[in-house]
């Protein structure tokens, strides 16, 4: 029986317990042989910790753990290096002093092994002394592996949490950043004592960077050669998981190809370079295979509330950020003194690369898959509408009613949902504000609907309908008018020929025209043609 390492982050445990391991060791070998100081950004639960653990075992010379893997044949020496592993995953850095305590505990432990400096008192200086002593004692340079280097910053970002330093109050975010900056500056001082350094994290900070204290690491986050270093490719999935794919196909009573498509829609869609290699979210995919069910596994393991705060502060809406082309410098580095949410949303995994324009060297960004889209859009919609009714439950009811061919029930659901939104949320003073609220409201609604139903926003010769929803038995064409009439909306469907592609379709067609009132914030008219 296949064992899935869901939640396992230790390479040795995975190998000892016979769990399935996607062999990335040929890439790891190339990485360690062609460079020295690296940085890798990937979303949470994307395999960064396992990568760090694998490197740790490799640099400790644990050849026995790599039996049968590609690197066993590639590596001839298997030297053991002094390895320093710093993992920020487990701590809550919203508490003042936790970061200092964590670094102190690590450095003190290493000093017990290699000796304490009689000169340096700073945590960075003491660590530099440890590296020097380890190099001399072991006869080999040191390896430093830092997992989730940015968690002490992400935990406190935009929280306004305070601490005290030398009797003065300061932001905990600033304090943690200064501590990390000083600590990481060691890598410049200790360059002669270092064999290999890898820092992993979600976000690459710039300007006020914690990296500015030492030579910039080689950022491989968007290098095609390493775009599948974390995550699972289509080829790897089909090669390693034929058995659970077949089991899931049998459970859902579909063919293998249909099951592959459903898995792809839910968990694939990530790309990390212009190479456009399809990457599956490993946590979600392995969880689906383990439990034999399609669910939103990854999104529910963490609440990206800090991204919602960034969106609110920047006053940028998702419809203004998604489905557009950007230059890399617009979304690769997060500049914490500029209120732009795009880099953080991309690096956190809620948007990904969906296309590349070679002529202008721009990247198209959008949601990676259904799991992420419906989870993140629902979260943003809940904050935006502040409705008393559950957004997710409402969307499920809408989709269920459309699948059952009940346009009148859909109308009632729309009406009840808008009635649950506080008046202050939709009260807008100017025409542009009212237009923006109307546009964004239906963008959020139909993005959520599209994650549960077959959704096509069709470009046609005479324009594009607001929304087309296809179910196995029914097709719905929606057109909404702000402060207009349902008749005018229906007439636009006719004039623009939105229904023409479905004239020979055996499914029943509903053409729905509706008007939305900016004064009342709800549906005024609803007609089915």
Protein backbone atom coordinates (compact mmCIF):
# COMPACT_ATOMS: atom_id res chain seq x y z
CA UNK A 1 0.00 0.00 0.00
CA UNK A 2 1.32 3.41 -0.97
CA UNK A 3 2.16 5.71 1.95
CA UNK A 4 1.69 9.45 1.34
CA UNK A 5 3.93 11.82 3.32
CA UNK A 6 1.22 14.40 4.02
CA UNK A 7 2.58 16.83 6.60
CA UNK A 8 6.01 15.10 6.67
CA UNK A 9 8.88 17.51 6.20
CA UNK A 10 11.84 15.31 7.19
CA UNK A 11 13.63 13.49 4.40
CA UNK A 12 14.98 10.76 6.68
CA UNK A 13 11.51 9.96 8.05
CA UNK A 14 10.03 9.72 4.55
CA UNK A 15 12.79 7.35 3.46
CA UNK A 16 12.81 5.27 6.66
CA UNK A 17 9.02 4.78 6.59
CA UNK A 18 8.88 3.91 2.91
CA UNK A 19 6.71 6.86 1.90
CA UNK A 20 6.51 7.92 -1.72
CA UNK A 21 9.26 10.44 -2.53
CA UNK A 22 9.34 12.40 -5.78
CA UNK A 23 13.00 12.19 -6.80
CA UNK A 24 14.34 15.74 -7.10
CA UNK A 25 17.93 14.77 -6.30
CA UNK A 26 19.35 15.28 -9.81
CA UNK A 27 18.30 18.94 -9.56
CA UNK A 28 19.65 19.14 -6.01
CA UNK A 29 23.01 17.80 -7.21
CA UNK A 30 23.15 20.40 -9.96
CA UNK A 31 22.22 23.11 -7.45
CA UNK A 32 25.00 22.32 -4.98
CA UNK A 33 27.65 21.84 -7.65
CA UNK A 34 27.04 25.07 -9.58
CA UNK A 35 26.56 27.73 -6.91
CA UNK A 36 27.06 28.75 -3.30
CA UNK A 37 24.43 31.13 -1.88
CA UNK A 38 20.81 30.71 -3.01
CA UNK A 39 17.36 32.05 -2.27
CA UNK A 40 14.14 30.20 -3.18
CA UNK A 41 10.64 31.62 -2.82
CA UNK A 42 7.66 29.29 -2.91
CA UNK A 43 4.17 29.40 -1.34
CA UNK A 44 3.62 27.78 2.07
CA UNK A 45 3.34 24.00 2.23
CA UNK A 46 4.96 23.68 -1.17
CA UNK A 47 7.86 21.42 -0.16
CA UNK A 48 10.46 23.97 0.92
CA UNK A 49 11.04 22.31 4.30
CA UNK A 50 11.46 18.90 2.66
CA UNK A 51 13.99 20.40 0.24
CA UNK A 52 15.97 21.85 3.16
CA UNK A 53 15.82 18.52 5.01
CA UNK A 54 17.01 16.66 1.91
CA UNK A 55 19.96 19.03 1.55
CA UNK A 56 20.77 18.56 5.23
CA UNK A 57 20.95 14.78 4.81
CA UNK A 58 23.05 15.16 1.67
CA UNK A 59 25.60 17.49 3.27
CA UNK A 60 25.79 15.24 6.33
CA UNK A 61 26.99 12.52 3.97
CA UNK A 62 24.00 10.21 4.54
CA UNK A 63 24.48 8.15 1.39
CA UNK A 64 22.30 5.38 2.82
CA UNK A 65 19.21 7.59 2.67
CA UNK A 66 19.68 8.22 -1.07
CA UNK A 67 19.78 4.60 -2.19
CA UNK A 68 17.96 4.20 -5.49
CA UNK A 69 17.72 7.93 -6.15
CA UNK A 70 19.41 9.80 -9.01
CA UNK A 71 22.04 11.44 -6.84
CA UNK A 72 23.38 8.07 -5.67
CA UNK A 73 25.00 7.63 -9.07
CA UNK A 74 25.95 11.28 -9.53
CA UNK A 75 27.81 11.88 -6.26
CA UNK A 76 31.08 10.03 -5.78
CA UNK A 77 32.51 11.59 -2.62
CA UNK A 78 29.73 11.92 0.01
CA UNK A 79 31.68 14.20 2.33
CA UNK A 80 30.19 15.23 5.68
CA UNK A 81 30.08 19.00 6.26
CA UNK A 82 29.17 20.91 9.43
CA UNK A 83 25.52 21.79 8.84
CA UNK A 84 23.64 24.62 10.56
CA UNK A 85 19.89 24.36 10.16
CA UNK A 86 17.67 27.25 11.24
CA UNK A 87 13.91 26.62 11.03
CA UNK A 88 11.45 29.47 11.76
CA UNK A 89 8.32 27.42 11.01
CA UNK A 90 7.23 26.53 14.52
CA UNK A 91 7.39 29.89 16.31
CA UNK A 92 4.80 32.64 16.73
CA UNK A 93 6.72 35.85 16.16
CA UNK A 94 3.81 38.12 17.06
CA UNK A 95 5.13 37.95 20.62
CA UNK A 96 7.94 40.43 21.35
CA UNK A 97 11.24 38.78 22.17
CA UNK A 98 10.49 35.41 20.54
CA UNK A 99 12.84 36.03 17.60
CA UNK A 100 15.72 37.00 19.89
CA UNK A 101 15.09 33.94 22.06
CA UNK A 102 15.03 31.63 19.07
CA UNK A 103 18.32 32.91 17.64
CA UNK A 104 19.92 32.84 21.09
CA UNK A 105 18.87 29.20 21.59
CA UNK A 106 20.32 28.14 18.23
CA UNK A 107 23.61 29.98 18.58
CA UNK A 108 24.08 28.81 22.20
CA UNK A 109 23.59 25.20 21.09
CA UNK A 110 26.17 25.60 18.33
CA UNK A 111 28.61 27.29 20.73
CA UNK A 112 28.47 24.20 22.95
CA UNK A 113 29.76 22.18 19.98
CA UNK A 114 32.35 24.56 18.55
CA UNK A 115 33.23 27.10 21.26
CA UNK A 116 32.17 30.58 22.28
CA UNK A 117 33.84 33.81 21.20
CA UNK A 118 35.58 35.81 23.88
CA UNK A 119 35.27 38.99 21.82
CA UNK A 120 31.92 39.14 20.02
CA UNK A 121 28.76 39.74 22.05
CA UNK A 122 26.25 40.27 19.23
CA UNK A 123 24.27 37.28 18.04
CA UNK A 124 25.67 37.72 14.53
CA UNK A 125 29.25 38.02 15.68
CA UNK A 126 28.90 34.92 17.83
CA UNK A 127 27.48 32.97 14.89
CA UNK A 128 30.36 34.08 12.67
CA UNK A 129 32.79 32.78 15.30
CA UNK A 130 30.95 29.43 15.39
CA UNK A 131 31.23 29.10 11.61
CA UNK A 132 34.94 29.85 11.73
CA UNK A 133 35.54 27.34 14.50
CA UNK A 134 33.46 24.65 12.77
CA UNK A 135 35.44 25.14 9.56
CA UNK A 136 38.74 24.74 11.41
CA UNK A 137 37.61 21.82 13.58
CA UNK A 138 35.96 19.77 10.81
CA UNK A 139 38.33 20.68 8.00
CA UNK A 140 35.43 21.49 5.72
CA UNK A 141 33.49 24.67 5.12
CA UNK A 142 30.03 25.10 6.63
CA UNK A 143 26.54 24.66 5.23
CA UNK A 144 23.76 26.99 6.42
CA UNK A 145 20.13 26.14 5.68
CA UNK A 146 17.44 28.64 6.70
CA UNK A 147 13.83 27.50 6.37
CA UNK A 148 11.10 30.18 6.12
CA UNK A 149 13.56 33.02 6.69
CA UNK A 150 10.76 35.59 6.38
CA UNK A 151 8.23 34.17 8.86
CA UNK A 152 9.35 36.56 11.64
CA UNK A 153 8.36 39.38 9.28
CA UNK A 154 5.18 37.90 7.80
CA UNK A 155 3.79 37.15 11.26
CA UNK A 156 3.91 40.81 12.27
CA UNK A 157 3.45 42.53 8.92
CA UNK A 158 0.95 45.38 9.05
CA UNK A 159 -0.17 44.44 12.57
CA UNK A 160 0.97 47.61 14.40
CA UNK A 161 2.26 45.38 17.21
CA UNK A 162 4.73 47.25 19.40
CA UNK A 163 7.79 46.42 21.49
CA UNK A 164 10.31 48.45 23.49
CA UNK A 165 13.97 48.94 22.68
CA UNK A 166 16.25 50.95 24.97
CA UNK A 167 13.20 52.41 26.65
CA UNK A 168 11.66 53.57 23.37
CA UNK A 169 8.54 52.10 21.75
CA UNK A 170 8.90 50.77 18.20
CA UNK A 171 7.05 48.53 15.79
CA UNK A 172 7.71 44.83 16.28
CA UNK A 173 7.86 44.53 12.49
CA UNK A 174 10.78 46.99 12.38
CA UNK A 175 12.50 45.30 15.32
CA UNK A 176 12.31 41.82 13.78
CA UNK A 177 13.57 43.13 10.46
CA UNK A 178 16.60 44.80 12.07
CA UNK A 179 17.45 41.65 14.00
CA UNK A 180 17.30 39.47 10.89
CA UNK A 181 19.26 41.96 8.81
CA UNK A 182 22.07 41.97 11.37
CA UNK A 183 22.02 38.19 11.68
CA UNK A 184 22.10 37.49 7.95
CA UNK A 185 24.98 39.96 7.48
CA UNK A 186 27.11 37.16 8.94
CA UNK A 187 27.11 35.43 5.57
CA UNK A 188 29.25 38.21 4.14
CA UNK A 189 31.69 38.20 7.05
CA UNK A 190 31.96 34.40 7.03
CA UNK A 191 32.23 33.90 3.27
CA UNK A 192 35.52 32.01 3.53
CA UNK A 193 33.94 29.58 5.97
CA UNK A 194 30.87 28.77 3.89
CA UNK A 195 30.40 25.92 1.43
CA UNK A 196 26.70 26.35 0.72
CA UNK A 197 23.83 28.58 1.87
CA UNK A 198 20.13 28.29 1.09
CA UNK A 199 17.40 30.55 2.38
CA UNK A 200 13.80 29.62 1.65
CA UNK A 201 10.68 31.66 2.24
CA UNK A 202 7.43 32.91 0.83
CA UNK A 203 8.44 36.48 0.10
CA UNK A 204 11.48 38.24 -1.27
CA UNK A 205 11.79 41.58 0.47
CA UNK A 206 13.65 44.46 -1.15
CA UNK A 207 14.75 48.01 -0.34
CA UNK A 208 14.58 47.49 3.42
CA UNK A 209 15.78 43.99 2.70
CA UNK A 210 17.14 41.61 5.28
CA UNK A 211 19.50 40.61 2.47
CA UNK A 212 21.21 44.00 2.22
CA UNK A 213 23.77 43.09 4.86
CA UNK A 214 25.49 40.51 2.63
CA UNK A 215 26.13 39.70 -1.00
CA UNK A 216 22.82 39.10 -2.76
CA UNK A 217 22.02 35.40 -3.02
CA UNK A 218 21.31 33.78 -6.35
CA UNK A 219 17.52 33.97 -6.56
CA UNK A 220 16.38 30.80 -8.33
CA UNK A 221 12.66 31.39 -7.68
CA UNK A 222 11.94 32.13 -11.36
CA UNK A 223 14.73 30.16 -13.03
CA UNK A 224 13.29 27.59 -15.47
CA UNK A 225 16.05 25.10 -14.60
CA UNK A 226 14.68 24.86 -11.05
CA UNK A 227 10.98 25.67 -11.50
CA UNK A 228 9.98 22.13 -10.44
CA UNK A 229 12.43 21.85 -7.54
CA UNK A 230 9.39 22.02 -5.25
CA UNK A 231 5.96 20.75 -6.25
CA UNK A 232 4.86 17.94 -8.57
CA UNK A 233 4.86 18.05 -12.36
CA UNK A 234 2.25 16.40 -14.59
CA UNK A 235 4.77 13.76 -15.65
CA UNK A 236 5.74 13.03 -12.05
CA UNK A 237 2.12 12.74 -10.98
CA UNK A 238 1.23 10.22 -13.67
CA UNK A 239 4.46 8.25 -13.16
CA UNK A 240 4.30 8.01 -9.36
CA UNK A 241 0.55 7.95 -8.66
CA UNK A 242 -1.15 5.74 -11.27
CA UNK A 243 -2.62 3.56 -8.51
CA UNK A 244 -4.37 6.29 -6.45
CA UNK A 245 -5.53 8.02 -9.66
CA UNK A 246 -7.24 4.80 -10.72
CA UNK A 247 -8.76 4.37 -7.24
CA UNK A 248 -10.16 7.90 -7.28
CA UNK A 249 -11.54 7.42 -10.79
CA UNK A 250 -13.38 4.33 -9.60
CA UNK A 251 -14.75 6.13 -6.55
CA UNK A 252 -16.05 9.06 -8.63
CA UNK A 253 -17.26 6.69 -11.36
CA UNK A 254 -15.35 8.45 -14.13
CA UNK A 255 -12.62 7.43 -16.55
CA UNK A 256 -8.92 7.98 -15.90
CA UNK A 257 -8.73 10.96 -18.26
CA UNK A 258 -11.69 12.65 -16.56
CA UNK A 259 -10.09 12.07 -13.14
CA UNK A 260 -6.82 13.56 -14.35
CA UNK A 261 -8.69 16.62 -15.59
CA UNK A 262 -10.48 17.07 -12.26
CA UNK A 263 -7.19 16.83 -10.37
CA UNK A 264 -5.66 19.33 -12.77
CA UNK A 265 -8.52 21.80 -12.37
CA UNK A 266 -8.31 21.63 -8.59
CA UNK A 267 -4.59 21.48 -7.81
CA UNK A 268 -2.49 22.22 -10.91
CA UNK A 269 -1.89 25.55 -12.59
CA UNK A 270 1.22 26.87 -10.88
CA UNK A 271 4.08 28.13 -13.03
CA UNK A 272 7.27 29.68 -11.71
CA UNK A 273 9.15 30.71 -14.85
CA UNK A 274 8.78 31.49 -18.52
CA UNK A 275 9.31 27.76 -19.08
CA UNK A 276 5.65 27.33 -18.08
CA UNK A 277 6.17 23.90 -16.48
CA UNK A 278 2.85 22.83 -14.91
CA UNK A 279 3.30 22.41 -11.15
CA UNK A 280 0.77 20.80 -8.81
CA UNK A 281 0.40 21.94 -5.23
CA UNK A 282 2.05 18.96 -3.45
CA UNK A 283 0.16 19.30 -0.16
CA UNK A 284 -3.26 19.30 -1.82
CA UNK A 285 -2.43 16.57 -4.33
CA UNK A 286 -0.97 14.20 -1.74
CA UNK A 287 -3.90 14.91 0.61
CA UNK A 288 -6.36 14.12 -2.18
CA UNK A 289 -4.62 10.80 -2.89
CA UNK A 290 -4.42 9.89 0.79
CA UNK A 291 -8.10 10.60 1.51
CA UNK A 292 -9.42 9.72 -1.97
CA UNK A 293 -11.45 12.92 -2.19
CA UNK A 294 -11.29 16.31 -3.98
CA UNK A 295 -11.35 19.02 -1.33
CA UNK A 296 -9.79 22.41 -0.63
CA UNK A 297 -6.84 21.11 1.40
CA UNK A 298 -4.16 23.78 0.97
CA UNK A 299 -6.27 26.90 1.30
CA UNK A 300 -7.77 25.80 4.62
CA UNK A 301 -4.35 25.28 6.22
CA UNK A 302 -3.79 29.03 6.50
CA UNK A 303 -5.83 32.22 6.45
CA UNK A 304 -4.20 34.94 4.30
CA UNK A 305 -5.79 37.75 6.32
CA UNK A 306 -2.69 39.92 5.86
CA UNK A 307 -3.35 39.90 2.09
CA UNK A 308 -6.91 41.08 2.65
CA UNK A 309 -5.52 43.91 4.80
CA UNK A 310 -3.06 44.84 2.06
CA UNK A 311 -5.85 44.94 -0.50
CA UNK A 312 -7.96 47.16 1.76
CA UNK A 313 -5.10 49.55 2.46
CA UNK A 314 -4.04 49.83 -1.16
CA UNK A 315 -7.63 50.20 -2.36
CA UNK A 316 -6.85 47.86 -5.22
CA UNK A 317 -9.44 45.26 -6.21
CA UNK A 318 -8.77 41.74 -7.44
CA UNK A 319 -10.34 42.47 -10.82
CA UNK A 320 -7.76 45.22 -11.28
CA UNK A 321 -4.87 42.84 -10.52
CA UNK A 322 -5.77 39.52 -12.16
CA UNK A 323 -5.61 38.51 -15.80
CA UNK A 324 -3.00 41.15 -16.67
CA UNK A 325 0.60 41.17 -17.91
CA UNK A 326 3.39 42.49 -15.67
CA UNK A 327 7.13 42.98 -15.78
CA UNK A 328 8.95 40.80 -13.21
CA UNK A 329 9.99 43.73 -11.04
CA UNK A 330 6.31 44.54 -10.52
CA UNK A 331 5.59 41.30 -8.66
CA UNK A 332 8.89 39.62 -7.71
CA UNK A 333 10.18 41.89 -4.92
CA UNK A 334 7.96 43.06 -2.11
CA UNK A 335 8.68 46.68 -1.21
CA UNK A 336 7.25 47.04 2.28
CA UNK A 337 7.17 50.84 2.11
CA UNK A 338 4.93 50.79 -0.97
CA UNK A 339 1.34 49.73 -0.49
CA UNK A 340 1.07 47.43 -3.46
CA UNK A 341 -0.42 44.01 -2.71
CA UNK A 342 0.44 42.26 -5.99
CA UNK A 343 3.92 40.93 -5.08
CA UNK A 344 2.71 39.52 -1.78
CA UNK A 345 -0.36 37.90 -3.37
CA UNK A 346 1.78 36.32 -6.09
CA UNK A 347 4.53 35.09 -3.79
CA UNK A 348 2.01 33.69 -1.31
CA UNK A 349 0.62 31.46 -4.08
CA UNK A 350 -2.80 33.04 -4.61
CA UNK A 351 -1.80 34.22 -8.07
CA UNK A 352 0.65 32.54 -10.41
CA UNK A 353 2.13 32.87 -13.88
CA UNK A 354 -0.38 31.83 -16.55
CA UNK A 355 1.37 33.10 -19.65
CA UNK A 356 4.57 34.70 -20.94
CA UNK A 357 5.05 37.35 -23.64
CA UNK A 358 8.54 36.76 -25.00
CA UNK A 359 8.58 39.98 -27.03
CA UNK A 360 8.01 42.26 -24.04
CA UNK A 361 9.24 39.77 -21.39
CA UNK A 362 6.05 40.19 -19.41
CA UNK A 363 4.17 37.60 -17.37
CA UNK A 364 0.41 37.05 -17.23
CA UNK A 365 -0.80 36.59 -13.64
CA UNK A 366 -4.05 34.93 -12.58
CA UNK A 367 -5.45 32.38 -10.14
CA UNK A 368 -3.70 28.99 -10.39
CA UNK A 369 -6.68 26.66 -9.93
CA UNK A 370 -10.21 26.22 -8.58
CA UNK A 371 -9.12 25.49 -5.02
CA UNK A 372 -7.24 28.75 -4.68
CA UNK A 373 -9.69 30.89 -6.64
CA UNK A 374 -12.81 29.99 -4.72
CA UNK A 375 -11.06 30.09 -1.35
CA UNK A 376 -9.31 33.42 -1.81
CA UNK A 377 -12.15 35.15 -3.67
CA UNK A 378 -14.62 33.99 -1.00
CA UNK A 379 -12.37 35.42 1.70
CA UNK A 380 -12.02 38.73 -0.12
CA UNK A 381 -15.78 38.83 -0.84
CA UNK A 382 -16.63 38.19 2.80
CA UNK A 383 -14.49 41.14 3.85
CA UNK A 384 -15.74 43.35 1.02
CA UNK A 385 -19.48 42.74 1.41
CA UNK A 386 -19.56 42.18 5.18
CA UNK A 387 -22.83 40.36 4.56
CA UNK A 388 -24.66 38.57 7.36
CA UNK A 389 -25.14 35.58 5.06
CA UNK A 390 -22.27 33.12 4.51
CA UNK A 391 -20.72 33.88 1.12
CA UNK A 392 -19.55 30.31 0.50
CA UNK A 393 -22.89 28.75 1.44
CA UNK A 394 -24.71 31.23 -0.75
CA UNK A 395 -22.52 30.40 -3.76
CA UNK A 396 -23.09 26.67 -3.28
CA UNK A 397 -26.85 27.28 -3.19
CA UNK A 398 -26.65 29.37 -6.36
CA UNK A 399 -24.73 26.69 -8.24
CA UNK A 400 -27.02 23.92 -6.99
CA UNK A 401 -30.08 25.86 -8.18
CA UNK A 402 -28.56 26.42 -11.61
CA UNK A 403 -27.73 22.73 -11.94
CA UNK A 404 -31.37 21.96 -11.16
CA UNK A 405 -32.69 24.49 -13.70
CA UNK A 406 -34.29 26.90 -11.21
CA UNK A 407 -33.74 30.50 -12.40
CA UNK A 408 -36.46 31.81 -10.05
CA UNK A 409 -34.62 30.35 -7.07
CA UNK A 410 -31.41 31.94 -8.37
CA UNK A 411 -33.23 35.30 -8.45
CA UNK A 412 -34.42 34.88 -4.85
CA UNK A 413 -30.92 33.97 -3.72
CA UNK A 414 -29.46 37.06 -5.38
CA UNK A 415 -32.10 39.25 -3.76
CA UNK A 416 -31.62 37.78 -0.28
CA UNK A 417 -27.85 38.02 -0.45
CA UNK A 418 -27.81 41.68 -1.44
CA UNK A 419 -30.35 42.38 1.29
CA UNK A 420 -27.89 40.96 3.83
CA UNK A 421 -25.18 43.49 2.87
CA UNK A 422 -25.08 46.52 5.22
CA UNK A 423 -26.23 49.75 3.62
CA UNK A 424 -22.91 51.42 4.42
CA UNK A 425 -21.08 48.85 2.28
CA UNK A 426 -22.87 49.75 -0.96
CA UNK A 427 -23.63 53.42 -0.33
CA UNK A 428 -21.48 55.33 -2.81
CA UNK A 429 -21.45 59.07 -3.40
CA UNK A 430 -20.26 59.45 -6.98
CA UNK A 431 -21.12 57.76 -10.27
CA UNK A 432 -17.58 56.29 -10.66
CA UNK A 433 -17.80 54.81 -7.14
CA UNK A 434 -21.20 53.30 -7.85
CA UNK A 435 -19.96 51.88 -11.16
CA UNK A 436 -16.88 50.43 -9.46
CA UNK A 437 -18.97 48.83 -6.70
CA UNK A 438 -21.32 47.31 -9.28
CA UNK A 439 -18.45 45.97 -11.42
CA UNK A 440 -16.48 44.54 -8.52
CA UNK A 441 -19.55 43.02 -6.87
CA UNK A 442 -20.40 40.90 -9.89
CA UNK A 443 -16.75 40.11 -10.58
CA UNK A 444 -16.45 38.54 -7.11
CA UNK A 445 -19.75 36.71 -7.41
CA UNK A 446 -19.08 35.16 -10.78
CA UNK A 447 -15.48 34.29 -9.98
CA UNK A 448 -16.82 32.25 -7.06
CA UNK A 449 -19.53 30.70 -9.24
CA UNK A 450 -16.94 29.77 -11.86
CA UNK A 451 -14.97 27.70 -9.35
CA UNK A 452 -17.98 25.44 -8.78
CA UNK A 453 -19.62 25.41 -12.21
CA UNK A 454 -18.40 25.29 -15.79
CA UNK A 455 -17.92 28.97 -16.49
CA UNK A 456 -17.08 30.67 -19.75
CA UNK A 457 -16.57 34.39 -20.18
CA UNK A 458 -16.90 34.29 -23.93
CA UNK A 459 -15.33 36.85 -26.20
CA UNK A 460 -17.66 37.23 -29.18
CA UNK A 461 -17.58 39.28 -32.34
CA UNK A 462 -20.02 41.86 -30.99
CA UNK A 463 -18.93 41.92 -27.34
CA UNK A 464 -18.83 39.82 -24.23
CA UNK A 465 -21.67 38.80 -21.96
CA UNK A 466 -21.43 39.45 -18.24
CA UNK A 467 -21.48 35.76 -17.47
CA UNK A 468 -22.24 32.41 -19.07
CA UNK A 469 -22.65 29.41 -16.79
CA UNK A 470 -22.85 25.92 -18.25
CA UNK A 471 -24.13 22.91 -16.34
CA UNK A 472 -24.67 19.38 -17.71
CA UNK A 473 -28.33 20.14 -18.52
CA UNK A 474 -28.65 23.93 -18.63
CA UNK A 475 -26.92 27.03 -19.97
CA UNK A 476 -27.40 30.45 -18.36
CA UNK A 477 -26.55 33.74 -20.04
CA UNK A 478 -26.55 36.66 -17.61
CA UNK A 479 -26.58 40.36 -18.39
CA UNK A 480 -26.81 42.92 -15.59
CA UNK A 481 -27.50 46.65 -15.88
CA UNK A 482 -26.66 49.27 -13.28
CA UNK A 483 -29.72 51.48 -12.70
CA UNK A 484 -31.12 50.24 -16.00
CA UNK A 485 -33.87 47.79 -16.90
CA UNK A 486 -34.16 44.04 -17.24
CA UNK A 487 -35.64 44.52 -20.71
CA UNK A 488 -32.56 46.46 -21.82
CA UNK A 489 -30.32 43.67 -20.48
CA UNK A 490 -32.30 41.01 -22.38
CA UNK A 491 -32.23 43.13 -25.53
CA UNK A 492 -28.43 43.32 -25.32
CA UNK A 493 -28.25 39.52 -25.17
CA UNK A 494 -30.30 39.42 -28.38
CA UNK A 495 -28.53 42.30 -30.15
CA UNK A 496 -25.06 40.98 -29.39
CA UNK A 497 -25.93 37.41 -30.26
CA UNK A 498 -24.64 35.93 -27.02
CA UNK A 499 -26.93 32.88 -27.43
CA UNK A 500 -25.92 32.01 -31.00
CA UNK A 501 -23.20 29.49 -30.02
CA UNK A 502 -25.91 27.49 -28.21
CA UNK A 503 -28.59 27.34 -30.92
CA UNK A 504 -27.81 23.69 -31.69
CA UNK A 505 -27.05 22.79 -28.07
CA UNK A 506 -29.41 20.18 -26.59
CA UNK A 507 -29.30 21.81 -23.16
CA UNK A 508 -32.05 24.18 -22.07
CA UNK A 509 -31.04 27.82 -22.41
CA UNK A 510 -31.97 30.58 -19.95
CA UNK A 511 -31.34 34.20 -20.95
CA UNK A 512 -31.49 36.34 -17.82
CA UNK A 513 -31.63 40.12 -17.80
CA UNK A 514 -31.49 41.96 -14.50
CA UNK A 515 -31.11 45.49 -13.18
CA UNK A 516 -29.12 46.40 -10.10
CA UNK A 517 -30.03 49.52 -8.13
CA UNK A 518 -27.19 51.67 -6.79
CA UNK A 519 -29.64 53.24 -4.31
CA UNK A 520 -31.00 50.09 -2.72
CA UNK A 521 -27.98 47.88 -3.40
CA UNK A 522 -30.09 44.98 -4.66
CA UNK A 523 -31.83 43.48 -7.69
CA UNK A 524 -34.70 45.67 -8.91
CA UNK A 525 -35.83 43.70 -11.95
CA UNK A 526 -35.21 40.14 -13.10
CA UNK A 527 -36.53 38.68 -16.34
CA UNK A 528 -35.95 35.33 -17.99
CA UNK A 529 -36.04 35.14 -21.75
